[in-house]
Protein backbone atom coordinates (compact mmCIF):
# COMPACT_ATOMS: atom_id res chain seq x y z
CA MET A 1 0.00 0.00 0.00
CA ILE A 2 2.87 2.37 0.76
CA PHE A 3 4.41 1.45 -2.60
CA THR A 4 1.15 2.33 -4.41
CA SER A 5 0.92 5.70 -2.66
CA LEU A 6 4.56 6.48 -3.43
CA THR A 7 4.10 5.52 -7.08
CA THR A 8 0.99 7.68 -7.36
CA MET A 9 2.80 10.62 -5.79
CA ILE A 10 5.78 10.28 -8.15
CA ILE A 11 3.51 10.13 -11.20
CA SER A 12 1.57 13.17 -9.98
CA VAL A 13 4.74 15.20 -9.44
CA ALA A 14 6.04 14.20 -12.88
CA ALA A 15 2.75 15.27 -14.49
CA MET A 16 2.79 18.63 -12.72
CA ALA A 17 6.41 19.21 -13.75
CA SER A 18 5.62 18.49 -17.40
CA VAL A 19 2.73 20.98 -17.30
CA ALA A 20 5.02 23.62 -15.78
CA VAL A 21 7.67 23.02 -18.44
CA ALA A 22 5.09 23.07 -21.24
CA SER A 23 3.65 26.37 -20.01
CA ASP A 24 7.06 28.03 -20.45
CA ASN A 25 6.82 27.32 -24.18
CA LEU A 26 3.38 28.78 -24.75
CA ILE A 27 3.14 30.91 -27.85
CA ILE A 28 0.85 33.87 -27.45
CA SER A 29 -0.55 35.26 -30.67
CA PRO A 30 -3.20 37.86 -31.47
CA MET A 31 -4.78 35.46 -33.97
CA GLY A 32 -8.23 34.40 -32.79
CA LEU A 33 -8.48 36.88 -29.93
CA PRO A 34 -11.67 38.92 -29.52
CA CYS A 35 -11.81 42.43 -30.97
CA SER A 36 -14.33 45.16 -31.66
CA PRO A 37 -15.96 46.62 -33.57
CA PRO A 38 -16.25 43.87 -36.21
CA ASN A 39 -15.04 44.39 -39.78
CA THR A 40 -12.50 47.06 -38.83
CA VAL A 41 -8.76 47.44 -38.36
CA GLY A 42 -7.06 48.29 -35.11
CA CYS A 43 -3.79 48.68 -33.27
CA SER A 44 -2.92 47.10 -29.96
CA THR A 45 -0.25 45.44 -27.84
CA ILE A 46 -0.14 42.23 -25.82
CA LYS A 47 2.20 42.07 -22.86
CA GLY A 48 4.90 39.54 -23.68
CA TRP A 49 4.12 39.40 -27.41
CA ASN A 50 6.45 40.94 -29.99
CA ASN A 51 8.67 42.45 -27.27
CA ASP A 52 5.65 44.51 -26.14
CA ASN A 53 5.70 46.34 -29.49
CA ASP A 54 2.51 47.31 -31.32
CA PHE A 55 0.69 45.19 -33.86
CA GLY A 56 -2.02 46.04 -36.35
CA TYR A 57 -4.94 43.68 -36.84
CA LEU A 58 -8.02 43.00 -38.92
CA CYS A 59 -11.13 42.42 -36.81
CA GLY A 60 -13.36 39.94 -38.65
CA PRO A 61 -17.15 39.83 -38.92
CA ASN A 62 -17.42 37.68 -35.78
CA SER A 63 -15.32 40.10 -33.68
CA ILE A 64 -12.28 37.80 -33.82
CA ILE A 65 -8.82 38.87 -35.03
CA GLY A 66 -8.43 37.22 -38.42
CA ASP A 67 -5.05 38.61 -39.44
CA TYR A 68 -2.34 40.77 -37.90
CA GLN A 69 1.05 42.30 -38.58
CA ASP A 70 3.71 42.91 -35.96
CA CYS A 71 5.23 46.38 -35.72
CA PRO A 72 8.93 46.84 -34.90
CA CYS A 73 8.22 49.69 -32.47
CA LYS A 74 6.18 50.84 -29.47
CA ASN A 75 3.36 53.37 -29.88
CA CYS A 76 3.89 53.62 -33.63
CA CYS A 77 0.84 51.82 -35.03
CA VAL A 78 -1.62 54.27 -36.57
CA ILE A 79 -4.86 53.88 -38.51
CA THR A 80 -5.41 56.16 -41.49
CA ASP A 81 -8.44 55.82 -43.76
CA GLY A 82 -9.17 52.30 -42.50
CA VAL A 83 -5.60 51.04 -42.96
CA PHE A 84 -3.08 50.46 -40.19
CA SER A 85 0.62 51.17 -40.53
CA CYS A 86 3.62 51.07 -38.25
């Protein structure tokens, strides 16, 4: 019985460690994130994405980001006549 408990504990610790290691490799992307208003373009940032630089995005008809482009700078994304640029 002690052996079973020890085995269960070792397996649980191994599973938790693999989840912790996997979470370090998460890739955050604007693709698929919610946005508003639908069918527009926008500029934003996501902490930890693209070195905290801006990105421009296309907000689709279902208020989900359908496409984006990273900017190489902070606070440089602008929208002019329905088009974003960095």
